[in-house]
Amino acid sequence: MIILDLAAEIEPVWKRTDAFYGKPWIWNMLHNFGGNIVLFGRINEIADGPASALRDPDQKDWQGSGLQWKLLNKTRCFMSL
């Protein structure tokens, strides 16, 4: 089992659960949450979040990063990050 931290760019659950208590996990972003496709968002967190998790000594069994597309219409600037 691998745990997806589905909104890690907003509220990284791995930081308050001791990195999911040592279970393998993936820093993840659920893009278009709520059907929002306008040009706004947490670009800094999206760009820096996975690298910060990798460098964090408390990340334990971090497996990588992921991105889930919720809808077909998406804000294209996030795809380039």
N, C-alpha and C. Protein backbone atom coordinates (compact mmCIF):
# COMPACT_ATOMS: atom_id res chain seq x y z
N MET A 1 0.84 -1.16 0.00
CA MET A 1 0.00 0.00 0.00
C MET A 1 0.89 1.24 0.00
N ILE A 2 0.56 2.20 -0.85
CA ILE A 2 1.22 3.50 -0.88
C ILE A 2 0.15 4.56 -0.62
N ILE A 3 0.42 5.45 0.30
CA ILE A 3 -0.53 6.49 0.68
C ILE A 3 -0.30 7.73 -0.18
N LEU A 4 -1.38 8.30 -0.71
CA LEU A 4 -1.31 9.55 -1.46
C LEU A 4 -1.71 10.70 -0.54
N ASP A 5 -0.81 11.64 -0.36
CA ASP A 5 -1.13 12.85 0.39
C ASP A 5 -1.77 13.81 -0.62
N LEU A 6 -3.09 13.69 -0.81
CA LEU A 6 -3.80 14.27 -1.95
C LEU A 6 -3.81 15.78 -2.04
N ALA A 7 -3.62 16.48 -0.98
CA ALA A 7 -3.61 17.95 -1.05
C ALA A 7 -2.35 18.47 -0.37
N ALA A 8 -1.21 17.89 -0.69
CA ALA A 8 0.04 18.24 -0.01
C ALA A 8 0.47 19.67 -0.26
N GLU A 9 0.03 20.28 -1.36
CA GLU A 9 0.40 21.67 -1.62
C GLU A 9 -0.41 22.63 -0.74
N ILE A 10 -1.53 22.18 -0.19
CA ILE A 10 -2.38 23.01 0.66
C ILE A 10 -2.12 22.70 2.14
N GLU A 11 -2.28 21.44 2.51
CA GLU A 11 -2.12 21.01 3.90
C GLU A 11 -1.42 19.66 3.90
N PRO A 12 -0.09 19.65 3.97
CA PRO A 12 0.65 18.39 3.92
C PRO A 12 0.41 17.52 5.16
N VAL A 13 -0.42 16.51 5.00
CA VAL A 13 -0.77 15.63 6.12
C VAL A 13 0.45 14.88 6.64
N TRP A 14 1.42 14.59 5.77
CA TRP A 14 2.59 13.83 6.20
C TRP A 14 3.35 14.52 7.31
N LYS A 15 3.28 15.85 7.38
CA LYS A 15 4.01 16.58 8.41
C LYS A 15 3.38 16.43 9.79
N ARG A 16 2.08 16.19 9.85
CA ARG A 16 1.44 16.07 11.17
C ARG A 16 1.13 14.62 11.56
N THR A 17 1.52 13.67 10.70
CA THR A 17 1.27 12.25 11.02
C THR A 17 2.56 11.45 11.09
N ASP A 18 3.67 12.14 11.36
CA ASP A 18 4.97 11.47 11.42
C ASP A 18 5.22 10.69 10.12
N ALA A 19 5.02 11.40 9.00
CA ALA A 19 5.19 10.83 7.65
C ALA A 19 4.38 9.54 7.50
N PHE A 20 3.10 9.64 7.86
CA PHE A 20 2.16 8.52 7.77
C PHE A 20 2.66 7.31 8.55
N TYR A 21 3.28 7.62 9.69
CA TYR A 21 3.73 6.60 10.64
C TYR A 21 4.65 5.57 9.99
N GLY A 22 5.49 6.07 9.06
CA GLY A 22 6.50 5.21 8.44
C GLY A 22 6.04 4.42 7.23
N LYS A 23 4.79 4.58 6.82
CA LYS A 23 4.29 3.88 5.62
C LYS A 23 4.77 4.60 4.36
N PRO A 24 4.92 3.91 3.24
CA PRO A 24 5.32 4.58 1.99
C PRO A 24 4.24 5.56 1.55
N TRP A 25 4.67 6.73 1.11
CA TRP A 25 3.70 7.76 0.74
C TRP A 25 4.23 8.59 -0.43
N ILE A 26 3.29 9.29 -1.09
CA ILE A 26 3.59 10.13 -2.25
C ILE A 26 3.05 11.53 -2.00
N TRP A 27 3.93 12.54 -2.19
CA TRP A 27 3.48 13.93 -2.16
C TRP A 27 2.61 14.11 -3.40
N ASN A 28 1.41 14.60 -3.22
CA ASN A 28 0.46 14.61 -4.32
C ASN A 28 -0.35 15.90 -4.35
N MET A 29 -0.81 16.23 -5.53
CA MET A 29 -1.68 17.38 -5.71
C MET A 29 -2.90 16.94 -6.51
N LEU A 30 -4.08 17.26 -6.00
CA LEU A 30 -5.33 16.98 -6.71
C LEU A 30 -5.69 18.25 -7.46
N HIS A 31 -5.33 18.31 -8.73
CA HIS A 31 -5.50 19.51 -9.54
C HIS A 31 -6.96 19.70 -9.92
N ASN A 32 -7.39 20.97 -9.97
CA ASN A 32 -8.77 21.35 -10.31
C ASN A 32 -9.76 20.96 -9.24
N PHE A 33 -9.32 20.88 -8.02
CA PHE A 33 -10.22 20.55 -6.93
C PHE A 33 -11.37 21.54 -6.90
N GLY A 34 -12.56 21.07 -7.05
CA GLY A 34 -13.74 21.93 -7.07
C GLY A 34 -14.06 22.51 -8.43
N GLY A 35 -13.36 22.07 -9.48
CA GLY A 35 -13.63 22.56 -10.82
C GLY A 35 -13.08 23.93 -11.11
N ASN A 36 -12.14 24.41 -10.32
CA ASN A 36 -11.55 25.73 -10.55
C ASN A 36 -10.50 25.66 -11.64
N ILE A 37 -10.67 26.44 -12.70
CA ILE A 37 -9.69 26.44 -13.79
C ILE A 37 -9.12 27.82 -14.06
N VAL A 38 -9.40 28.78 -13.20
CA VAL A 38 -8.87 30.13 -13.40
C VAL A 38 -7.39 30.16 -13.00
N LEU A 39 -6.70 31.21 -13.43
CA LEU A 39 -5.26 31.30 -13.20
C LEU A 39 -4.96 31.86 -11.81
N PHE A 40 -5.03 31.01 -10.83
CA PHE A 40 -4.61 31.32 -9.46
C PHE A 40 -4.29 30.00 -8.79
N GLY A 41 -3.58 30.07 -7.72
CA GLY A 41 -3.25 28.86 -7.00
C GLY A 41 -1.98 29.01 -6.20
N ARG A 42 -1.51 27.93 -5.70
CA ARG A 42 -0.33 27.89 -4.84
C ARG A 42 0.88 27.44 -5.65
N ILE A 43 1.29 28.26 -6.58
CA ILE A 43 2.35 27.88 -7.50
C ILE A 43 3.66 27.62 -6.76
N ASN A 44 4.00 28.45 -5.78
CA ASN A 44 5.24 28.23 -5.04
C ASN A 44 5.23 26.89 -4.31
N GLU A 45 4.12 26.56 -3.67
CA GLU A 45 4.03 25.28 -2.96
C GLU A 45 4.10 24.10 -3.92
N ILE A 46 3.50 24.25 -5.09
CA ILE A 46 3.52 23.18 -6.07
C ILE A 46 4.93 22.99 -6.63
N ALA A 47 5.61 24.09 -6.88
CA ALA A 47 6.96 24.01 -7.44
C ALA A 47 7.98 23.53 -6.40
N ASP A 48 7.83 23.94 -5.13
CA ASP A 48 8.83 23.62 -4.11
C ASP A 48 8.48 22.44 -3.22
N GLY A 49 7.20 22.09 -3.14
CA GLY A 49 6.75 21.06 -2.20
C GLY A 49 7.44 19.72 -2.32
N PRO A 50 7.50 19.11 -3.51
CA PRO A 50 8.15 17.81 -3.61
C PRO A 50 9.64 17.85 -3.25
N ALA A 51 10.35 18.89 -3.67
CA ALA A 51 11.78 19.00 -3.34
C ALA A 51 11.98 19.21 -1.85
N SER A 52 11.10 19.99 -1.23
CA SER A 52 11.18 20.20 0.22
C SER A 52 10.94 18.89 0.97
N ALA A 53 9.97 18.11 0.51
CA ALA A 53 9.70 16.82 1.14
C ALA A 53 10.91 15.89 1.00
N LEU A 54 11.53 15.90 -0.15
CA LEU A 54 12.70 15.05 -0.38
C LEU A 54 13.85 15.42 0.57
N ARG A 55 14.06 16.71 0.79
CA ARG A 55 15.15 17.17 1.65
C ARG A 55 14.85 17.06 3.14
N ASP A 56 13.58 16.92 3.50
CA ASP A 56 13.20 16.90 4.91
C ASP A 56 13.64 15.59 5.57
N PRO A 57 14.39 15.66 6.66
CA PRO A 57 14.84 14.42 7.32
C PRO A 57 13.70 13.62 7.95
N ASP A 58 12.53 14.24 8.13
CA ASP A 58 11.39 13.55 8.73
C ASP A 58 10.48 12.88 7.70
N GLN A 59 10.85 12.90 6.42
CA GLN A 59 9.97 12.35 5.38
C GLN A 59 9.90 10.83 5.37
N LYS A 60 10.82 10.16 6.00
CA LYS A 60 10.87 8.70 6.18
C LYS A 60 10.80 7.93 4.86
N ASP A 61 9.62 7.40 4.50
CA ASP A 61 9.52 6.51 3.34
C ASP A 61 8.82 7.19 2.16
N TRP A 62 9.27 8.41 1.84
CA TRP A 62 8.72 9.17 0.72
C TRP A 62 9.07 8.47 -0.59
N GLN A 63 8.09 8.25 -1.44
CA GLN A 63 8.29 7.51 -2.69
C GLN A 63 8.36 8.39 -3.92
N GLY A 64 7.92 9.64 -3.84
CA GLY A 64 7.93 10.52 -5.00
C GLY A 64 6.79 11.51 -4.96
N SER A 65 6.48 12.07 -6.11
CA SER A 65 5.40 13.04 -6.19
C SER A 65 4.42 12.64 -7.28
N GLY A 66 3.20 13.12 -7.15
CA GLY A 66 2.17 12.77 -8.12
C GLY A 66 1.24 13.94 -8.36
N LEU A 67 0.45 13.82 -9.42
CA LEU A 67 -0.51 14.84 -9.78
C LEU A 67 -1.75 14.15 -10.34
N GLN A 68 -2.90 14.41 -9.77
CA GLN A 68 -4.16 13.85 -10.22
C GLN A 68 -4.95 14.93 -10.92
N TRP A 69 -5.37 14.67 -12.15
CA TRP A 69 -6.24 15.60 -12.87
C TRP A 69 -7.67 15.22 -12.55
N LYS A 70 -8.41 16.14 -11.99
CA LYS A 70 -9.80 15.86 -11.66
C LYS A 70 -10.72 16.10 -12.85
N LEU A 71 -10.43 17.09 -13.65
CA LEU A 71 -11.28 17.43 -14.79
C LEU A 71 -10.44 17.55 -16.06
N LEU A 72 -11.07 17.57 -17.19
CA LEU A 72 -10.34 17.73 -18.45
C LEU A 72 -9.86 19.16 -18.64
N ASN A 73 -10.64 20.14 -18.25
CA ASN A 73 -10.21 21.54 -18.34
C ASN A 73 -9.27 21.82 -17.18
N LYS A 74 -8.08 22.30 -17.47
CA LYS A 74 -7.10 22.51 -16.41
C LYS A 74 -6.30 23.78 -16.65
N THR A 75 -5.72 24.30 -15.61
CA THR A 75 -4.86 25.46 -15.70
C THR A 75 -3.50 24.98 -16.22
N ARG A 76 -3.16 25.34 -17.42
CA ARG A 76 -1.97 24.79 -18.08
C ARG A 76 -0.65 25.18 -17.44
N CYS A 77 -0.60 26.29 -16.72
CA CYS A 77 0.69 26.70 -16.14
C CYS A 77 1.18 25.67 -15.13
N PHE A 78 0.29 24.94 -14.45
CA PHE A 78 0.72 23.94 -13.49
C PHE A 78 1.39 22.74 -14.17
N MET A 79 1.00 22.47 -15.39
CA MET A 79 1.57 21.33 -16.11
C MET A 79 3.05 21.52 -16.37
N SER A 80 3.51 22.75 -16.49
CA SER A 80 4.91 23.01 -16.78
C SER A 80 5.79 22.94 -15.54
N LEU A 81 5.20 22.93 -14.36
CA LEU A 81 5.98 22.86 -13.13
C LEU A 81 6.44 21.44 -12.92
